[in-house]
Amino acid sequence: MALVVALMFVGTDAGAVEPTAEATDKPWAESAATVGESLTDAADQALEVVPDVAEDNRDAPGVDADAEEWDESPEPPECANEAATAADAFWMAASCGRDVLILDELSPWDTVYATPQGRLVRETTVVAERTNIDGEWSPVDPRLEVESGGAFRVASPVVEMELAGSMEPGGVLASLTTDDGEVGLSVSVGLGDPSVEENRATYPVLDEGGARIAGAQLVVRVAPDATGLTPVLVLDSAEAAEAVLAATESSGLSFEISAGQGLELVEPKTDESGVRIVPEGGDTEVPVLQVLPAYQWDSAGGDPVFVRRIRNDATSAVLESRANR
């Protein structure tokens, strides 16, 4: 048998459009809107492409003092498949007769186009497709790369993620860095150097003396869309579970989630609702990260059991599991 304890960190898209009921069986949802109240700013920007001729600029070069119009119409834009702003995209779409991608409306989950008919079309995917973690949009890549000092970083994530190499009990196993601050995940057992393959790191669990515990390993898997990670503690036998509990002494087997400066944890109503991480003093309903509920199960059968939360405040939460003896 194997006893497994798991929890999951996931990045969230605060501005994501909820997929419609008709699109639940598609990997993406599409919506369209005409230029109306929701697009007033974009339409106003588009109108600014051709400046007005006012009384106080009749002497400006290129303006006929006896006319109300410019001598020449503005040159049409060079046709391309994308534009930086909504204003440029609408002008290009109308001039070139094609849909134009709006770069400043992109998100990891959203793609927005201006159409020749003056409409916006938004495509929203269930999984992240791109990231601008390095300042430019590029495809996500969940593979783990070696850093100096034995740590590992995710190649091209939506949120910066780093895993430790070997560590002492209570050390920080994983850190996730957002624009608002950093979140750390600690575990109460010592871990040896991991073996890494693609987006997965497998750590041997160590006893009090630093020796490997047979049948005990911690597996960390980065999500395929590089939005988060899931640590899973796998115990192959009752003896392995006993040894892990002995290594943790009186503290018990636990994971601790800590929020750095600029972030705070929102206390969940129940153990089954997970932990939300929000900007400090911000909207508690719009998390930047979310820790899904931790649970354990026996591969021999039976339903998963949610892991008990023994402490939760604005800066940290502790999830504890005592393996069945």
C-alpha atoms as a PDB file:
ATOM      1  CA  MET A   1       0.000   0.000   0.000  1.00  0.00           C
ATOM      2  CA  ALA A   2       1.014   3.637  -0.244  1.00  0.00           C
ATOM      3  CA  LEU A   3      -0.119   6.551   1.878  1.00  0.00           C
ATOM      4  CA  VAL A   4      -0.084   9.813  -0.051  1.00  0.00           C
ATOM      5  CA  VAL A   5      -0.351  13.373   1.283  1.00  0.00           C
ATOM      6  CA  ALA A   6      -0.784  16.146  -1.295  1.00  0.00           C
ATOM      7  CA  LEU A   7      -1.480  19.852  -1.587  1.00  0.00           C
ATOM      8  CA  MET A   8      -1.371  22.206  -4.562  1.00  0.00           C
ATOM      9  CA  PHE A   9      -0.323  25.802  -5.236  1.00  0.00           C
ATOM     10  CA  VAL A  10      -1.974  27.442  -8.248  1.00  0.00           C
ATOM     11  CA  GLY A  11      -1.669  30.866  -9.812  1.00  0.00           C
ATOM     12  CA  THR A  12      -4.934  32.652 -10.535  1.00  0.00           C
ATOM     13  CA  ASP A  13      -6.179  35.000 -13.238  1.00  0.00           C
ATOM     14  CA  ALA A  14      -8.043  37.775 -11.448  1.00  0.00           C
ATOM     15  CA  GLY A  15      -9.414  39.190 -14.688  1.00  0.00           C
ATOM     16  CA  ALA A  16     -10.327  35.938 -16.385  1.00  0.00           C
ATOM     17  CA  VAL A  17     -13.658  35.629 -18.165  1.00  0.00           C
ATOM     18  CA  GLU A  18     -15.707  32.716 -16.866  1.00  0.00           C
ATOM     19  CA  PRO A  19     -16.317  30.191 -19.655  1.00  0.00           C
ATOM     20  CA  THR A  20     -19.931  30.054 -20.710  1.00  0.00           C
ATOM     21  CA  ALA A  21     -22.070  26.966 -20.236  1.00  0.00           C
ATOM     22  CA  GLU A  22     -21.975  26.358 -23.984  1.00  0.00           C
ATOM     23  CA  ALA A  23     -18.182  26.240 -23.908  1.00  0.00           C
ATOM     24  CA  THR A  24     -17.645  23.819 -21.031  1.00  0.00           C
ATOM     25  CA  ASP A  25     -16.522  21.047 -23.372  1.00  0.00           C
ATOM     26  CA  LYS A  26     -13.992  23.297 -25.156  1.00  0.00           C
ATOM     27  CA  PRO A  27     -10.469  24.100 -23.968  1.00  0.00           C
ATOM     28  CA  TRP A  28     -11.246  27.759 -24.542  1.00  0.00           C
ATOM     29  CA  ALA A  29     -14.172  30.178 -24.328  1.00  0.00           C
ATOM     30  CA  GLU A  30     -14.840  32.981 -26.803  1.00  0.00           C
ATOM     31  CA  SER A  31     -16.798  36.174 -26.281  1.00  0.00           C
ATOM     32  CA  ALA A  32     -17.394  39.226 -28.468  1.00  0.00           C
ATOM     33  CA  ALA A  33     -18.462  42.794 -27.675  1.00  0.00           C
ATOM     34  CA  THR A  34     -19.267  45.789 -29.875  1.00  0.00           C
ATOM     35  CA  VAL A  35     -17.574  49.110 -29.232  1.00  0.00           C
ATOM     36  CA  GLY A  36     -19.911  50.430 -26.575  1.00  0.00           C
ATOM     37  CA  GLU A  37     -19.750  51.434 -22.957  1.00  0.00           C
ATOM     38  CA  SER A  38     -17.145  48.819 -22.081  1.00  0.00           C
ATOM     39  CA  LEU A  39     -14.920  49.987 -24.944  1.00  0.00           C
ATOM     40  CA  THR A  40     -15.357  53.731 -24.634  1.00  0.00           C
ATOM     41  CA  ASP A  41     -11.717  54.311 -23.727  1.00  0.00           C
ATOM     42  CA  ALA A  42     -10.447  52.228 -26.639  1.00  0.00           C
ATOM     43  CA  ALA A  43     -12.793  53.967 -29.086  1.00  0.00           C
ATOM     44  CA  ASP A  44     -11.715  57.379 -27.820  1.00  0.00           C
ATOM     45  CA  GLN A  45      -8.089  56.395 -28.310  1.00  0.00           C
ATOM     46  CA  ALA A  46      -8.851  55.276 -31.856  1.00  0.00           C
ATOM     47  CA  LEU A  47     -10.447  58.636 -32.662  1.00  0.00           C
ATOM     48  CA  GLU A  48      -7.312  60.398 -31.458  1.00  0.00           C
ATOM     49  CA  VAL A  49      -5.358  58.869 -34.342  1.00  0.00           C
ATOM     50  CA  VAL A  50      -6.594  61.737 -36.581  1.00  0.00           C
ATOM     51  CA  PRO A  51      -6.078  65.025 -34.693  1.00  0.00           C
ATOM     52  CA  ASP A  52      -8.653  67.799 -34.744  1.00  0.00           C
ATOM     53  CA  VAL A  53      -7.904  71.099 -36.481  1.00  0.00           C
ATOM     54  CA  ALA A  54      -8.715  73.925 -34.103  1.00  0.00           C
ATOM     55  CA  GLU A  55      -8.657  77.700 -34.512  1.00  0.00           C
ATOM     56  CA  ASP A  56      -5.360  77.955 -32.618  1.00  0.00           C
ATOM     57  CA  ASN A  57      -3.416  75.625 -34.905  1.00  0.00           C
ATOM     58  CA  ARG A  58      -4.305  76.980 -38.362  1.00  0.00           C
ATOM     59  CA  ASP A  59      -0.715  78.096 -38.838  1.00  0.00           C
ATOM     60  CA  ALA A  60       0.675  74.627 -38.176  1.00  0.00           C
ATOM     61  CA  PRO A  61       2.581  73.018 -41.079  1.00  0.00           C
ATOM     62  CA  GLY A  62       0.361  70.975 -43.383  1.00  0.00           C
ATOM     63  CA  VAL A  63      -2.828  72.898 -42.539  1.00  0.00           C
ATOM     64  CA  ASP A  64      -4.658  75.115 -45.057  1.00  0.00           C
ATOM     65  CA  ALA A  65      -5.677  78.265 -43.174  1.00  0.00           C
ATOM     66  CA  ASP A  66      -8.855  78.527 -45.278  1.00  0.00           C
ATOM     67  CA  ALA A  67      -9.879  74.907 -44.832  1.00  0.00           C
ATOM     68  CA  GLU A  68     -11.289  72.883 -41.951  1.00  0.00           C
ATOM     69  CA  GLU A  69      -9.455  69.705 -42.965  1.00  0.00           C
ATOM     70  CA  TRP A  70      -5.880  68.529 -43.270  1.00  0.00           C
ATOM     71  CA  ASP A  71      -4.407  68.760 -46.761  1.00  0.00           C
ATOM     72  CA  GLU A  72      -3.667  65.044 -46.758  1.00  0.00           C
ATOM     73  CA  SER A  73      -5.297  62.117 -45.027  1.00  0.00           C
ATOM     74  CA  PRO A  74      -3.090  60.228 -42.575  1.00  0.00           C
ATOM     75  CA  GLU A  75      -1.152  57.409 -44.160  1.00  0.00           C
ATOM     76  CA  PRO A  76      -2.820  54.063 -43.528  1.00  0.00           C
ATOM     77  CA  PRO A  77      -0.899  51.809 -41.140  1.00  0.00           C
ATOM     78  CA  GLU A  78       1.377  49.095 -42.413  1.00  0.00           C
ATOM     79  CA  CYS A  79      -0.662  45.901 -42.189  1.00  0.00           C
ATOM     80  CA  ALA A  80       0.386  43.412 -39.518  1.00  0.00           C
ATOM     81  CA  ASN A  81      -1.213  40.709 -37.387  1.00  0.00           C
ATOM     82  CA  GLU A  82      -0.731  42.532 -34.081  1.00  0.00           C
ATOM     83  CA  ALA A  83      -0.661  46.025 -32.605  1.00  0.00           C
ATOM     84  CA  ALA A  84       0.458  47.427 -29.277  1.00  0.00           C
ATOM     85  CA  THR A  85      -2.791  49.133 -28.242  1.00  0.00           C
ATOM     86  CA  ALA A  86      -6.506  48.815 -28.867  1.00  0.00           C
ATOM     87  CA  ALA A  87      -6.509  52.130 -30.759  1.00  0.00           C
ATOM     88  CA  ASP A  88      -3.784  50.973 -33.147  1.00  0.00           C
ATOM     89  CA  ALA A  89      -5.434  47.566 -33.533  1.00  0.00           C
ATOM     90  CA  PHE A  90      -8.844  49.027 -34.464  1.00  0.00           C
ATOM     91  CA  TRP A  91      -7.293  51.381 -37.023  1.00  0.00           C
ATOM     92  CA  MET A  92      -5.205  48.589 -38.534  1.00  0.00           C
ATOM     93  CA  ALA A  93      -8.143  46.160 -38.578  1.00  0.00           C
ATOM     94  CA  ALA A  94     -10.357  48.656 -40.382  1.00  0.00           C
ATOM     95  CA  SER A  95      -7.632  49.667 -42.858  1.00  0.00           C
ATOM     96  CA  CYS A  96      -6.356  46.181 -43.626  1.00  0.00           C
ATOM     97  CA  GLY A  97      -9.589  44.182 -43.382  1.00  0.00           C
ATOM     98  CA  ARG A  98      -8.234  41.624 -40.920  1.00  0.00           C
ATOM     99  CA  ASP A  99      -8.406  40.718 -37.242  1.00  0.00           C
ATOM    100  CA  VAL A 100      -5.535  42.266 -35.277  1.00  0.00           C
ATOM    101  CA  LEU A 101      -4.137  40.966 -31.983  1.00  0.00           C
ATOM    102  CA  ILE A 102      -4.004  43.589 -29.182  1.00  0.00           C
ATOM    103  CA  LEU A 103      -0.732  43.073 -27.329  1.00  0.00           C
ATOM    104  CA  ASP A 104      -1.536  45.094 -24.222  1.00  0.00           C
ATOM    105  CA  GLU A 105      -4.719  43.040 -23.674  1.00  0.00           C
ATOM    106  CA  LEU A 106      -2.848  39.714 -23.536  1.00  0.00           C
ATOM    107  CA  SER A 107      -2.729  37.623 -20.366  1.00  0.00           C
ATOM    108  CA  PRO A 108      -1.524  34.058 -19.795  1.00  0.00           C
ATOM    109  CA  TRP A 109      -5.134  32.960 -20.362  1.00  0.00           C
ATOM    110  CA  ASP A 110      -6.611  35.655 -22.659  1.00  0.00           C
ATOM    111  CA  THR A 111      -6.134  36.596 -26.313  1.00  0.00           C
ATOM    112  CA  VAL A 112      -8.002  39.674 -27.604  1.00  0.00           C
ATOM    113  CA  TYR A 113      -8.488  40.772 -31.216  1.00  0.00           C
ATOM    114  CA  ALA A 114      -9.877  43.913 -32.855  1.00  0.00           C
ATOM    115  CA  THR A 115     -11.995  43.117 -35.928  1.00  0.00           C
ATOM    116  CA  PRO A 116     -12.671  45.172 -39.086  1.00  0.00           C
ATOM    117  CA  GLN A 117     -16.292  45.498 -37.906  1.00  0.00           C
ATOM    118  CA  GLY A 118     -15.182  47.426 -34.793  1.00  0.00           C
ATOM    119  CA  ARG A 119     -15.647  44.563 -32.381  1.00  0.00           C
ATOM    120  CA  LEU A 120     -13.440  42.948 -29.746  1.00  0.00           C
ATOM    121  CA  VAL A 121     -13.155  39.160 -29.697  1.00  0.00           C
ATOM    122  CA  ARG A 122     -11.715  37.595 -26.555  1.00  0.00           C
ATOM    123  CA  GLU A 123     -10.565  33.975 -26.377  1.00  0.00           C
ATOM    124  CA  THR A 124     -10.047  32.595 -22.884  1.00  0.00           C
ATOM    125  CA  THR A 125      -8.319  29.263 -22.319  1.00  0.00           C
ATOM    126  CA  VAL A 126      -8.718  27.023 -19.279  1.00  0.00           C
ATOM    127  CA  VAL A 127      -4.942  26.551 -18.995  1.00  0.00           C
ATOM    128  CA  ALA A 128      -2.261  29.212 -19.332  1.00  0.00           C
ATOM    129  CA  GLU A 129      -0.614  29.408 -22.753  1.00  0.00           C
ATOM    130  CA  ARG A 130       1.956  32.182 -22.342  1.00  0.00           C
ATOM    131  CA  THR A 131       3.898  34.195 -19.797  1.00  0.00           C
ATOM    132  CA  ASN A 132       5.685  37.543 -19.699  1.00  0.00           C
ATOM    133  CA  ILE A 133       7.750  36.681 -16.639  1.00  0.00           C
ATOM    134  CA  ASP A 134      10.877  38.022 -18.406  1.00  0.00           C
ATOM    135  CA  GLY A 135       9.168  41.111 -19.831  1.00  0.00           C
ATOM    136  CA  GLU A 136       8.240  39.583 -23.188  1.00  0.00           C
ATOM    137  CA  TRP A 137       5.472  37.145 -24.029  1.00  0.00           C
ATOM    138  CA  SER A 138       6.669  33.587 -24.592  1.00  0.00           C
ATOM    139  CA  PRO A 139       5.165  30.076 -24.324  1.00  0.00           C
ATOM    140  CA  VAL A 140       4.998  28.542 -20.847  1.00  0.00           C
ATOM    141  CA  ASP A 141       7.563  25.847 -20.046  1.00  0.00           C
ATOM    142  CA  PRO A 142       7.189  23.799 -16.816  1.00  0.00           C
ATOM    143  CA  ARG A 143      10.588  22.074 -16.986  1.00  0.00           C
ATOM    144  CA  LEU A 144      12.947  22.390 -14.026  1.00  0.00           C
ATOM    145  CA  GLU A 145      16.385  23.905 -14.620  1.00  0.00           C
ATOM    146  CA  VAL A 146      19.389  23.733 -12.294  1.00  0.00           C
ATOM    147  CA  GLU A 147      20.361  26.951 -10.531  1.00  0.00           C
ATOM    148  CA  SER A 148      23.649  27.748  -8.830  1.00  0.00           C
ATOM    149  CA  GLY A 149      23.832  26.354  -5.310  1.00  0.00           C
ATOM    150  CA  GLY A 150      21.818  23.250  -6.121  1.00  0.00           C
ATOM    151  CA  ALA A 151      18.395  24.894  -6.362  1.00  0.00           C
ATOM    152  CA  PHE A 152      15.997  24.499  -9.309  1.00  0.00           C
ATOM    153  CA  ARG A 153      13.849  27.033 -11.141  1.00  0.00           C
ATOM    154  CA  VAL A 154      10.925  26.578 -13.500  1.00  0.00           C
ATOM    155  CA  ALA A 155      12.012  27.459 -17.037  1.00  0.00           C
ATOM    156  CA  SER A 156       9.127  29.717 -18.134  1.00  0.00           C
ATOM    157  CA  PRO A 157       6.370  29.918 -15.494  1.00  0.00           C
ATOM    158  CA  VAL A 158       3.374  32.211 -15.071  1.00  0.00           C
ATOM    159  CA  VAL A 159       4.607  32.893 -11.505  1.00  0.00           C
ATOM    160  CA  GLU A 160       8.293  32.606 -10.615  1.00  0.00           C
ATOM    161  CA  MET A 161       8.884  29.270  -8.884  1.00  0.00           C
ATOM    162  CA  GLU A 162      12.009  27.818  -7.304  1.00  0.00           C
ATOM    163  CA  LEU A 163      12.656  24.482  -5.566  1.00  0.00           C
ATOM    164  CA  ALA A 164      15.379  23.790  -3.025  1.00  0.00           C
ATOM    165  CA  GLY A 165      17.967  21.065  -3.280  1.00  0.00           C
ATOM    166  CA  SER A 166      18.611  19.021  -0.132  1.00  0.00           C
ATOM    167  CA  MET A 167      17.255  20.676   3.026  1.00  0.00           C
ATOM    168  CA  GLU A 168      17.023  20.374   6.802  1.00  0.00           C
ATOM    169  CA  PRO A 169      13.683  19.744   8.552  1.00  0.00           C
ATOM    170  CA  GLY A 170      11.559  22.900   8.472  1.00  0.00           C
ATOM    171  CA  GLY A 171      13.457  24.366   5.534  1.00  0.00           C
ATOM    172  CA  VAL A 172      11.782  26.130   2.607  1.00  0.00           C
ATOM    173  CA  LEU A 173      11.059  23.538  -0.062  1.00  0.00           C
ATOM    174  CA  ALA A 174       9.450  25.862  -2.619  1.00  0.00           C
ATOM    175  CA  SER A 175       9.092  29.588  -3.131  1.00  0.00           C
ATOM    176  CA  LEU A 176       6.693  31.381  -5.477  1.00  0.00           C
ATOM    177  CA  THR A 177       7.256  35.054  -6.257  1.00  0.00           C
ATOM    178  CA  THR A 178       4.470  37.356  -7.449  1.00  0.00           C
ATOM    179  CA  ASP A 179       4.454  41.088  -8.171  1.00  0.00           C
ATOM    180  CA  ASP A 180       3.050  41.605  -4.675  1.00  0.00           C
ATOM    181  CA  GLY A 181       5.405  39.405  -2.661  1.00  0.00           C
ATOM    182  CA  GLU A 182       6.775  35.924  -2.036  1.00  0.00           C
ATOM    183  CA  VAL A 183       5.149  32.760  -0.713  1.00  0.00           C
ATOM    184  CA  GLY A 184       7.128  29.922   0.845  1.00  0.00           C
ATOM    185  CA  LEU A 185       6.292  26.263   1.465  1.00  0.00           C
ATOM    186  CA  SER A 186       8.168  24.452   4.232  1.00  0.00           C
ATOM    187  CA  VAL A 187       8.016  20.801   5.249  1.00  0.00           C
ATOM    188  CA  SER A 188       8.819  19.338   8.656  1.00  0.00           C
ATOM    189  CA  VAL A 189      11.106  16.532   7.411  1.00  0.00           C
ATOM    190  CA  GLY A 190      14.631  16.602   6.029  1.00  0.00           C
ATOM    191  CA  LEU A 191      15.089  15.927   2.314  1.00  0.00           C
ATOM    192  CA  GLY A 192      18.037  14.649   0.284  1.00  0.00           C
ATOM    193  CA  ASP A 193      19.188  15.771  -3.152  1.00  0.00           C
ATOM    194  CA  PRO A 194      16.357  15.278  -5.653  1.00  0.00           C
ATOM    195  CA  SER A 195      16.359  13.489  -8.953  1.00  0.00           C
ATOM    196  CA  VAL A 196      14.813  15.733 -11.619  1.00  0.00           C
ATOM    197  CA  GLU A 197      13.049  14.774 -14.812  1.00  0.00           C
ATOM    198  CA  GLU A 198      11.262  17.371 -16.948  1.00  0.00           C
ATOM    199  CA  ASN A 199       8.750  19.040 -14.574  1.00  0.00           C
ATOM    200  CA  ARG A 200       9.126  16.610 -11.656  1.00  0.00           C
ATOM    201  CA  ALA A 201      11.552  16.512  -8.715  1.00  0.00           C
ATOM    202  CA  THR A 202      11.706  13.436  -6.432  1.00  0.00           C
ATOM    203  CA  TYR A 203      13.295  13.895  -2.990  1.00  0.00           C
ATOM    204  CA  PRO A 204      14.308  11.072  -0.622  1.00  0.00           C
ATOM    205  CA  VAL A 205      12.956  11.668   2.890  1.00  0.00           C
ATOM    206  CA  LEU A 206      15.618  11.575   5.614  1.00  0.00           C
ATOM    207  CA  ASP A 207      15.512  10.305   9.207  1.00  0.00           C
ATOM    208  CA  GLU A 208      16.870  12.123  12.265  1.00  0.00           C
ATOM    209  CA  GLY A 209      20.421  11.092  11.407  1.00  0.00           C
ATOM    210  CA  GLY A 210      20.227  12.186   7.783  1.00  0.00           C
ATOM    211  CA  ALA A 211      19.879   8.669   6.318  1.00  0.00           C
ATOM    212  CA  ARG A 212      17.298   7.860   3.676  1.00  0.00           C
ATOM    213  CA  ILE A 213      14.045   6.344   4.877  1.00  0.00           C
ATOM    214  CA  ALA A 214      13.213   3.329   2.737  1.00  0.00           C
ATOM    215  CA  GLY A 215       9.867   3.688   0.986  1.00  0.00           C
ATOM    216  CA  ALA A 216       9.472   7.438   1.691  1.00  0.00           C
ATOM    217  CA  GLN A 217       9.803  10.144  -0.924  1.00  0.00           C
ATOM    218  CA  LEU A 218       8.469  13.605  -1.618  1.00  0.00           C
ATOM    219  CA  VAL A 219       7.539  14.244  -5.245  1.00  0.00           C
ATOM    220  CA  VAL A 220       7.039  17.825  -6.465  1.00  0.00           C
ATOM    221  CA  ARG A 221       5.338  18.235  -9.833  1.00  0.00           C
ATOM    222  CA  VAL A 222       5.078  21.554 -11.662  1.00  0.00           C
ATOM    223  CA  ALA A 223       1.731  21.993 -13.427  1.00  0.00           C
ATOM    224  CA  PRO A 224       1.928  21.450 -17.217  1.00  0.00           C
ATOM    225  CA  ASP A 225       0.852  25.073 -17.793  1.00  0.00           C
ATOM    226  CA  ALA A 226       3.461  26.304 -15.254  1.00  0.00           C
ATOM    227  CA  THR A 227       0.888  28.037 -13.037  1.00  0.00           C
ATOM    228  CA  GLY A 228       1.718  26.174  -9.827  1.00  0.00           C
ATOM    229  CA  LEU A 229       3.121  23.052  -8.237  1.00  0.00           C
ATOM    230  CA  THR A 230       1.983  20.059  -6.209  1.00  0.00           C
ATOM    231  CA  PRO A 231       4.124  18.367  -3.518  1.00  0.00           C
ATOM    232  CA  VAL A 232       3.129  14.760  -2.794  1.00  0.00           C
ATOM    233  CA  LEU A 233       4.565  12.729   0.080  1.00  0.00           C
ATOM    234  CA  VAL A 234       4.490   9.035  -0.851  1.00  0.00           C
ATOM    235  CA  LEU A 235       4.889   6.368   1.859  1.00  0.00           C
ATOM    236  CA  ASP A 236       5.141   2.828   0.532  1.00  0.00           C
ATOM    237  CA  SER A 237       4.505   1.043   3.826  1.00  0.00           C
ATOM    238  CA  ALA A 238       3.394   1.388   7.410  1.00  0.00           C
ATOM    239  CA  GLU A 239       7.059   1.101   8.426  1.00  0.00           C
ATOM    240  CA  ALA A 240       7.937   4.074   6.216  1.00  0.00           C
ATOM    241  CA  ALA A 241       5.130   6.085   7.791  1.00  0.00           C
ATOM    242  CA  GLU A 242       6.396   5.200  11.287  1.00  0.00           C
ATOM    243  CA  ALA A 243       9.921   6.260  10.358  1.00  0.00           C
ATOM    244  CA  VAL A 244       8.764   9.598   8.923  1.00  0.00           C
ATOM    245  CA  LEU A 245       6.719  10.363  12.036  1.00  0.00           C
ATOM    246  CA  ALA A 246       9.692   9.454  14.217  1.00  0.00           C
ATOM    247  CA  ALA A 247      11.869  11.852  12.194  1.00  0.00           C
ATOM    248  CA  THR A 248       9.468  14.711  12.820  1.00  0.00           C
ATOM    249  CA  GLU A 249       9.517  14.013  16.579  1.00  0.00           C
ATOM    250  CA  SER A 250       6.774  15.889  18.432  1.00  0.00           C
ATOM    251  CA  SER A 251       6.069  18.360  15.613  1.00  0.00           C
ATOM    252  CA  GLY A 252       4.256  15.815  13.461  1.00  0.00           C
ATOM    253  CA  LEU A 253       4.305  15.666   9.683  1.00  0.00           C
ATOM    254  CA  SER A 254       3.320  19.108   8.471  1.00  0.00           C
ATOM    255  CA  PHE A 255       3.536  21.642   5.647  1.00  0.00           C
ATOM    256  CA  GLU A 256       3.757  25.343   6.469  1.00  0.00           C
ATOM    257  CA  ILE A 257       2.704  28.061   4.029  1.00  0.00           C
ATOM    258  CA  SER A 258       4.157  31.510   4.722  1.00  0.00           C
ATOM    259  CA  ALA A 259       3.393  34.839   3.072  1.00  0.00           C
ATOM    260  CA  GLY A 260       6.104  37.491   2.798  1.00  0.00           C
ATOM    261  CA  GLN A 261       5.780  41.259   2.969  1.00  0.00           C
ATOM    262  CA  GLY A 262       3.056  42.561   0.667  1.00  0.00           C
ATOM    263  CA  LEU A 263       0.889  39.435   0.902  1.00  0.00           C
ATOM    264  CA  GLU A 264      -1.463  37.934   3.446  1.00  0.00           C
ATOM    265  CA  LEU A 265      -3.310  34.668   3.876  1.00  0.00           C
ATOM    266  CA  VAL A 266      -7.092  34.621   3.972  1.00  0.00           C
ATOM    267  CA  GLU A 267      -8.336  32.150   6.558  1.00  0.00           C
ATOM    268  CA  PRO A 268     -10.549  29.525   4.913  1.00  0.00           C
ATOM    269  CA  LYS A 269     -13.894  28.680   6.445  1.00  0.00           C
ATOM    270  CA  THR A 270     -13.123  24.950   6.457  1.00  0.00           C
ATOM    271  CA  ASP A 271     -10.168  22.648   5.833  1.00  0.00           C
ATOM    272  CA  GLU A 272     -11.863  21.678   2.558  1.00  0.00           C
ATOM    273  CA  SER A 273     -11.788  25.233   1.136  1.00  0.00           C
ATOM    274  CA  GLY A 274      -8.019  25.729   0.928  1.00  0.00           C
ATOM    275  CA  VAL A 275      -6.046  28.919   1.574  1.00  0.00           C
ATOM    276  CA  ARG A 276      -6.192  32.097  -0.519  1.00  0.00           C
ATOM    277  CA  ILE A 277      -3.207  34.438  -0.773  1.00  0.00           C
ATOM    278  CA  VAL A 278      -4.060  38.072  -1.539  1.00  0.00           C
ATOM    279  CA  PRO A 279      -2.230  41.423  -1.707  1.00  0.00           C
ATOM    280  CA  GLU A 280      -1.926  42.933   1.754  1.00  0.00           C
ATOM    281  CA  GLY A 281      -5.013  45.049   2.404  1.00  0.00           C
ATOM    282  CA  GLY A 282      -6.460  44.035  -0.962  1.00  0.00           C
ATOM    283  CA  ASP A 283      -9.664  42.340  -2.079  1.00  0.00           C
ATOM    284  CA  THR A 284      -9.873  39.009  -0.264  1.00  0.00           C
ATOM    285  CA  GLU A 285     -12.013  37.605  -3.078  1.00  0.00           C
ATOM    286  CA  VAL A 286      -9.306  38.141  -5.717  1.00  0.00           C
ATOM    287  CA  PRO A 287      -6.302  35.960  -4.793  1.00  0.00           C
ATOM    288  CA  VAL A 288      -2.970  36.091  -6.578  1.00  0.00           C
ATOM    289  CA  LEU A 289      -2.263  32.512  -5.474  1.00  0.00           C
ATOM    290  CA  GLN A 290      -4.413  29.787  -4.041  1.00  0.00           C
ATOM    291  CA  VAL A 291      -3.409  26.721  -2.035  1.00  0.00           C
ATOM    292  CA  LEU A 292      -5.914  23.986  -2.754  1.00  0.00           C
ATOM    293  CA  PRO A 293      -6.993  21.725   0.113  1.00  0.00           C
ATOM    294  CA  ALA A 294      -4.428  19.162   1.271  1.00  0.00           C
ATOM    295  CA  TYR A 295      -5.600  15.587   1.617  1.00  0.00           C
ATOM    296  CA  GLN A 296      -4.319  12.045   2.131  1.00  0.00           C
ATOM    297  CA  TRP A 297      -5.408   8.666   0.865  1.00  0.00           C
ATOM    298  CA  ASP A 298      -4.436   5.017   0.936  1.00  0.00           C
ATOM    299  CA  SER A 299      -3.809   3.414  -2.449  1.00  0.00           C
ATOM    300  CA  ALA A 300      -5.313   0.171  -1.090  1.00  0.00           C
ATOM    301  CA  GLY A 301      -8.719   1.862  -1.127  1.00  0.00           C
ATOM    302  CA  GLY A 302     -10.960   4.250   0.760  1.00  0.00           C
ATOM    303  CA  ASP A 303     -11.908   7.864   0.287  1.00  0.00           C
ATOM    304  CA  PRO A 304      -9.382  10.730   0.538  1.00  0.00           C
ATOM    305  CA  VAL A 305      -9.252  12.495   3.911  1.00  0.00           C
ATOM    306  CA  PHE A 306      -8.660  16.226   4.121  1.00  0.00           C
ATOM    307  CA  VAL A 307      -5.593  17.204   6.124  1.00  0.00           C
ATOM    308  CA  ARG A 308      -6.224  19.076   9.348  1.00  0.00           C
ATOM    309  CA  ARG A 309      -5.223  22.739   9.591  1.00  0.00           C
ATOM    310  CA  ILE A 310      -3.732  23.359  13.029  1.00  0.00           C
ATOM    311  CA  ARG A 311      -2.831  27.030  12.689  1.00  0.00           C
ATOM    312  CA  ASN A 312      -3.722  29.900  10.387  1.00  0.00           C
ATOM    313  CA  ASP A 313      -3.059  33.632  10.635  1.00  0.00           C
ATOM    314  CA  ALA A 314      -2.339  36.484   8.236  1.00  0.00           C
ATOM    315  CA  THR A 315       1.217  35.347   7.501  1.00  0.00           C
ATOM    316  CA  SER A 316       1.271  31.556   7.808  1.00  0.00           C
ATOM    317  CA  ALA A 317      -0.779  28.383   7.830  1.00  0.00           C
ATOM    318  CA  VAL A 318       0.244  24.911   9.011  1.00  0.00           C
ATOM    319  CA  LEU A 319      -1.268  21.720   7.627  1.00  0.00           C
ATOM    320  CA  GLU A 320      -0.616  18.596   9.680  1.00  0.00           C
ATOM    321  CA  SER A 321      -1.092  14.929   8.847  1.00  0.00           C
ATOM    322  CA  ARG A 322      -0.405  11.995  11.139  1.00  0.00           C
ATOM    323  CA  ALA A 323      -0.124   8.801   9.138  1.00  0.00           C
ATOM    324  CA  ASN A 324      -2.243   5.927  10.388  1.00  0.00           C
ATOM    325  CA  ARG A 325      -0.177   3.710  12.668  1.00  0.00           C
END
